Amino acid sequence: MQSIRSSVDNARVTAGFCSILGISLMHFIRLNRLNHIRRRLCDPNSTSTVSQIANDWGFYHLGKFAQDYRHLFGERPSMTLSRYRAPPCWKRDGVQVHWALQRSFRKPMIFHSL
């Protein structure tokens, strides 16, 4: 069986994409990747770091990634991560104790869960 090949070249695909959506194909791909990263950062069950998630989606220059992310979403990736993930806690007498208090006090203050 012969393989069917499209007669449309890359320049036509790129021009068509730009004329329909108003952005280039590469810009669309970058926006798509940044949105996937945001979804992973907002996942409270994920244990990955910002660097790991960015690398998984092909962003290896983390400074440029953070700049693009902030330009698109208006906040740093680490802020998104911290807002959606609970800090690690441990329990004392069945009550959760915040991780920051574990290090700063000999007898940690206890926060009761609601």
Protein backbone atom coordinates (compact mmCIF):
# COMPACT_ATOMS: atom_id res chain seq x y z
CA MET A 1 0.00 0.00 0.00
CA GLN A 2 1.28 3.44 -0.83
CA SER A 3 1.47 6.09 1.81
CA ILE A 4 -0.59 9.18 1.13
CA ARG A 5 1.36 12.37 1.40
CA SER A 6 -0.11 15.82 1.71
CA SER A 7 0.84 18.30 -0.96
CA VAL A 8 0.66 21.20 1.48
CA ASP A 9 4.05 22.50 2.54
CA ASN A 10 5.02 23.96 5.91
CA ALA A 11 4.82 27.57 4.72
CA ARG A 12 1.18 27.15 3.69
CA VAL A 13 0.26 25.47 6.96
CA THR A 14 1.95 28.23 8.94
CA ALA A 15 0.34 30.99 6.86
CA GLY A 16 -3.09 29.35 7.12
CA PHE A 17 -2.74 28.92 10.86
CA CYS A 18 -1.76 32.55 11.28
CA SER A 19 -4.62 33.82 9.11
CA ILE A 20 -7.24 31.81 11.03
CA LEU A 21 -6.07 32.24 14.64
CA GLY A 22 -4.08 35.45 14.31
CA ILE A 23 -0.97 33.94 15.93
CA SER A 24 1.86 31.84 14.56
CA LEU A 25 1.92 28.08 14.89
CA MET A 26 4.95 28.21 17.21
CA HIS A 27 3.27 30.80 19.43
CA PHE A 28 0.17 28.59 19.66
CA ILE A 29 2.31 25.59 20.61
CA ARG A 30 4.10 27.62 23.31
CA LEU A 31 0.78 28.85 24.74
CA ASN A 32 -0.53 25.29 24.75
CA ARG A 33 2.54 24.03 26.61
CA LEU A 34 2.31 26.86 29.17
CA ASN A 35 -1.36 26.03 29.79
CA HIS A 36 -0.51 22.35 30.34
CA ILE A 37 2.18 23.39 32.81
CA ARG A 38 -0.32 25.57 34.69
CA ARG A 39 -2.70 22.62 34.96
CA ARG A 40 0.07 20.50 36.48
CA LEU A 41 1.05 23.28 38.89
CA CYS A 42 -2.57 23.55 40.03
CA ASP A 43 -2.83 19.81 40.70
CA PRO A 44 -2.79 19.40 44.50
CA ASN A 45 -1.86 15.70 44.21
CA SER A 46 1.30 16.28 42.17
CA THR A 47 4.65 16.29 43.94
CA SER A 48 6.72 17.66 41.04
CA THR A 49 8.64 20.91 41.30
CA VAL A 50 8.30 23.85 38.90
CA SER A 51 11.62 22.91 37.27
CA GLN A 52 10.58 19.29 36.74
CA ILE A 53 7.25 20.25 35.20
CA ALA A 54 8.85 22.88 32.95
CA ASN A 55 11.46 20.38 31.79
CA ASP A 56 8.77 17.76 31.12
CA TRP A 57 7.16 20.21 28.70
CA GLY A 58 10.40 21.16 26.95
CA PHE A 59 11.31 24.39 28.74
CA TYR A 60 14.99 24.08 29.58
CA HIS A 61 15.80 27.79 30.01
CA LEU A 62 13.96 28.34 33.27
CA GLY A 63 14.41 32.11 33.32
CA LYS A 64 12.77 32.48 29.91
CA PHE A 65 10.06 30.02 30.97
CA ALA A 66 9.29 32.01 34.13
CA GLN A 67 9.17 35.24 32.11
CA ASP A 68 6.75 33.74 29.56
CA TYR A 69 4.61 32.22 32.32
CA ARG A 70 4.38 35.51 34.21
CA HIS A 71 3.56 37.41 31.02
CA LEU A 72 0.71 35.00 30.23
CA PHE A 73 -0.75 34.37 33.70
CA GLY A 74 0.32 37.45 35.68
CA GLU A 75 2.16 35.54 38.41
CA ARG A 76 5.30 33.50 38.94
CA PRO A 77 5.02 29.71 38.51
CA SER A 78 6.07 29.24 42.13
CA MET A 79 3.13 31.38 43.27
CA THR A 80 0.71 29.16 41.35
CA LEU A 81 2.33 26.10 42.86
CA SER A 82 2.18 27.40 46.44
CA ARG A 83 -1.43 28.51 46.12
CA TYR A 84 -2.71 25.10 45.05
CA ARG A 85 -0.56 22.83 47.18
CA ALA A 86 -0.93 22.47 50.90
CA PRO A 87 2.30 22.72 52.85
CA PRO A 88 3.49 19.45 54.39
CA CYS A 89 2.11 18.87 57.85
CA TRP A 90 2.57 16.29 60.55
CA LYS A 91 0.15 15.24 63.22
CA ARG A 92 0.58 15.54 66.94
CA ASP A 93 -2.09 13.94 69.07
CA GLY A 94 -4.29 13.69 65.98
CA VAL A 95 -4.01 17.41 65.19
CA GLN A 96 -2.14 18.76 62.15
CA VAL A 97 0.90 20.94 62.81
CA HIS A 98 2.18 23.26 60.08
CA TRP A 99 5.68 22.43 58.74
CA ALA A 100 7.12 25.92 59.44
CA LEU A 101 6.30 25.63 63.09
CA GLN A 102 8.03 22.26 63.37
CA ARG A 103 11.42 23.91 62.88
CA SER A 104 10.92 27.21 64.68
CA PHE A 105 9.60 26.07 68.05
CA ARG A 106 10.56 23.34 70.44
CA LYS A 107 6.92 22.85 71.25
CA PRO A 108 5.04 23.60 68.05
CA MET A 109 1.82 25.53 68.07
CA ILE A 110 -1.15 23.37 67.13
CA PHE A 111 -3.65 24.34 64.47
CA HIS A 112 -6.95 22.58 64.66
CA SER A 113 -8.43 21.38 61.40
CA LEU A 114 -11.94 22.51 60.64
